[in-house]
Amino acid sequence: QVQLVESGGGLVQPGGSLRLSCAASGSLATIDSMGWYRQAPGKQRELVAQTRGDGSAHYAASLMGRFTISLDNAKKMVSLQMNSLGPEDTAVYFCRADAHDRSTYWGRGTQVTVSS
């Protein structure tokens, strides 16, 4: 089993930045990849970014290079640096871990609100 705890959400003005972090605990050796998803009110949960910590990362095309994901593979701690935030980025951001056996784990989410 893997437990995920997100931190770093909050209220930020348009154009600002936030850094989210997610710490994993439990069976860390089972984790193959980690990433971030988000869910805005009334919308489906969508991929933001995902990485295996080997230098490769996959981002949602809509982000246009504003976000950067990083993974401390030894600690299984994943971070998301978000720059040039706009109201469209307002959502609950969820950390996700995918295990080698294809199990999927989710954190409880952290709220990001972009508003003046």
Protein backbone atom coordinates (compact mmCIF):
# COMPACT_ATOMS: atom_id res chain seq x y z
CA GLN A 1 0.00 0.00 0.00
CA VAL A 2 1.05 3.55 -0.68
CA GLN A 3 -0.16 6.70 1.02
CA LEU A 4 0.16 10.11 -0.61
CA VAL A 5 -0.05 13.49 1.10
CA GLU A 6 -0.12 16.72 -0.88
CA SER A 7 0.87 20.16 0.35
CA GLY A 8 1.44 23.64 -1.01
CA GLY A 9 -1.95 24.64 -2.34
CA GLY A 10 -3.59 27.95 -1.62
CA LEU A 11 -4.77 31.24 -3.02
CA VAL A 12 -2.60 33.06 -5.53
CA GLN A 13 -3.14 36.07 -7.75
CA PRO A 14 -3.19 35.73 -11.54
CA GLY A 15 0.33 35.61 -12.89
CA GLY A 16 1.69 34.22 -9.65
CA SER A 17 3.41 30.95 -8.83
CA LEU A 18 2.88 28.03 -6.49
CA ARG A 19 4.80 24.88 -5.74
CA LEU A 20 2.96 21.71 -4.81
CA SER A 21 4.61 18.78 -3.12
CA CYS A 22 3.51 15.21 -2.56
CA ALA A 23 5.16 12.81 -0.16
CA ALA A 24 4.66 9.09 -0.47
CA SER A 25 4.86 6.59 2.33
CA GLY A 26 4.36 2.87 2.61
CA SER A 27 5.57 0.47 -0.06
CA LEU A 28 7.76 2.95 -1.93
CA ALA A 29 9.60 0.28 -3.90
CA THR A 30 6.38 -0.60 -5.70
CA ILE A 31 6.03 2.87 -7.22
CA ASP A 32 6.78 3.10 -10.93
CA SER A 33 5.70 6.65 -11.69
CA MET A 34 4.18 9.67 -9.97
CA GLY A 35 2.23 12.60 -11.24
CA TRP A 36 -0.32 15.31 -10.78
CA TYR A 37 -3.92 15.53 -11.90
CA ARG A 38 -6.43 18.27 -11.34
CA GLN A 39 -10.18 18.60 -11.21
CA ALA A 40 -11.98 21.88 -11.66
CA PRO A 41 -15.58 22.35 -10.51
CA GLY A 42 -17.96 20.60 -12.86
CA LYS A 43 -15.17 19.06 -14.90
CA GLN A 44 -13.49 15.69 -15.12
CA ARG A 45 -10.16 15.00 -13.50
CA GLU A 46 -7.37 15.57 -15.99
CA LEU A 47 -3.68 14.87 -16.25
CA VAL A 48 -1.34 17.74 -15.46
CA ALA A 49 2.03 16.02 -15.53
CA GLN A 50 3.60 12.64 -14.88
CA THR A 51 7.14 11.37 -14.54
CA ARG A 52 9.12 8.25 -13.77
CA GLY A 53 12.02 10.22 -12.39
CA ASP A 54 14.34 9.10 -15.18
CA GLY A 55 14.33 12.50 -16.81
CA SER A 56 11.24 11.84 -18.85
CA ALA A 57 8.03 13.71 -18.17
CA HIS A 58 4.67 14.05 -19.84
CA TYR A 59 2.65 17.24 -19.61
CA ALA A 60 -0.82 18.24 -20.62
CA ALA A 61 -0.52 20.20 -23.87
CA SER A 62 -2.71 22.99 -22.53
CA LEU A 63 -0.10 23.98 -19.94
CA MET A 64 2.16 25.53 -22.60
CA GLY A 65 5.33 25.06 -20.57
CA ARG A 66 4.17 26.87 -17.46
CA PHE A 67 4.45 23.88 -15.12
CA THR A 68 7.44 21.72 -14.23
CA ILE A 69 7.30 18.36 -12.49
CA SER A 70 10.21 16.94 -10.55
CA LEU A 71 10.66 13.70 -8.65
CA ASP A 72 13.04 12.70 -5.90
CA ASN A 73 13.06 9.07 -6.88
CA ALA A 74 14.76 7.86 -3.73
CA LYS A 75 12.24 9.52 -1.45
CA LYS A 76 9.31 9.20 -3.85
CA MET A 77 8.49 12.86 -3.40
CA VAL A 78 7.04 14.63 -6.40
CA SER A 79 6.75 18.37 -6.83
CA LEU A 80 4.97 20.60 -9.28
CA GLN A 81 6.22 24.11 -9.92
CA MET A 82 3.42 26.20 -11.38
CA ASN A 83 4.16 29.57 -12.96
CA SER A 84 2.07 32.20 -14.71
CA LEU A 85 -1.06 30.90 -13.08
CA GLY A 86 -4.42 31.96 -14.40
CA PRO A 87 -8.01 31.52 -13.24
CA GLU A 88 -8.26 28.47 -15.52
CA ASP A 89 -5.76 26.71 -13.26
CA THR A 90 -8.14 26.85 -10.31
CA ALA A 91 -8.81 23.27 -9.29
CA VAL A 92 -8.16 20.59 -6.73
CA TYR A 93 -4.78 19.10 -7.51
CA PHE A 94 -4.29 15.41 -6.80
CA CYS A 95 -1.09 13.47 -6.49
CA ARG A 96 -1.08 10.06 -8.11
CA ALA A 97 1.29 7.11 -7.90
CA ASP A 98 1.26 4.15 -10.25
CA ALA A 99 2.80 0.91 -9.06
CA HIS A 100 4.63 -1.76 -11.03
CA ASP A 101 1.63 -4.06 -10.58
CA ARG A 102 -0.59 -1.37 -12.16
CA SER A 103 -2.20 -0.38 -8.87
CA THR A 104 -3.05 3.31 -8.66
CA TYR A 105 -2.96 5.44 -5.54
CA TRP A 106 -4.35 8.91 -5.01
CA GLY A 107 -3.82 11.62 -2.47
CA ARG A 108 -6.74 13.56 -1.01
CA GLY A 109 -5.97 16.64 -3.06
CA THR A 110 -4.98 20.22 -2.38
CA GLN A 111 -6.97 23.26 -3.48
CA VAL A 112 -5.38 25.80 -5.78
CA THR A 113 -7.35 28.99 -6.32
CA VAL A 114 -6.18 31.68 -8.72
CA SER A 115 -8.03 34.89 -8.13
CA SER A 116 -7.45 38.59 -7.62
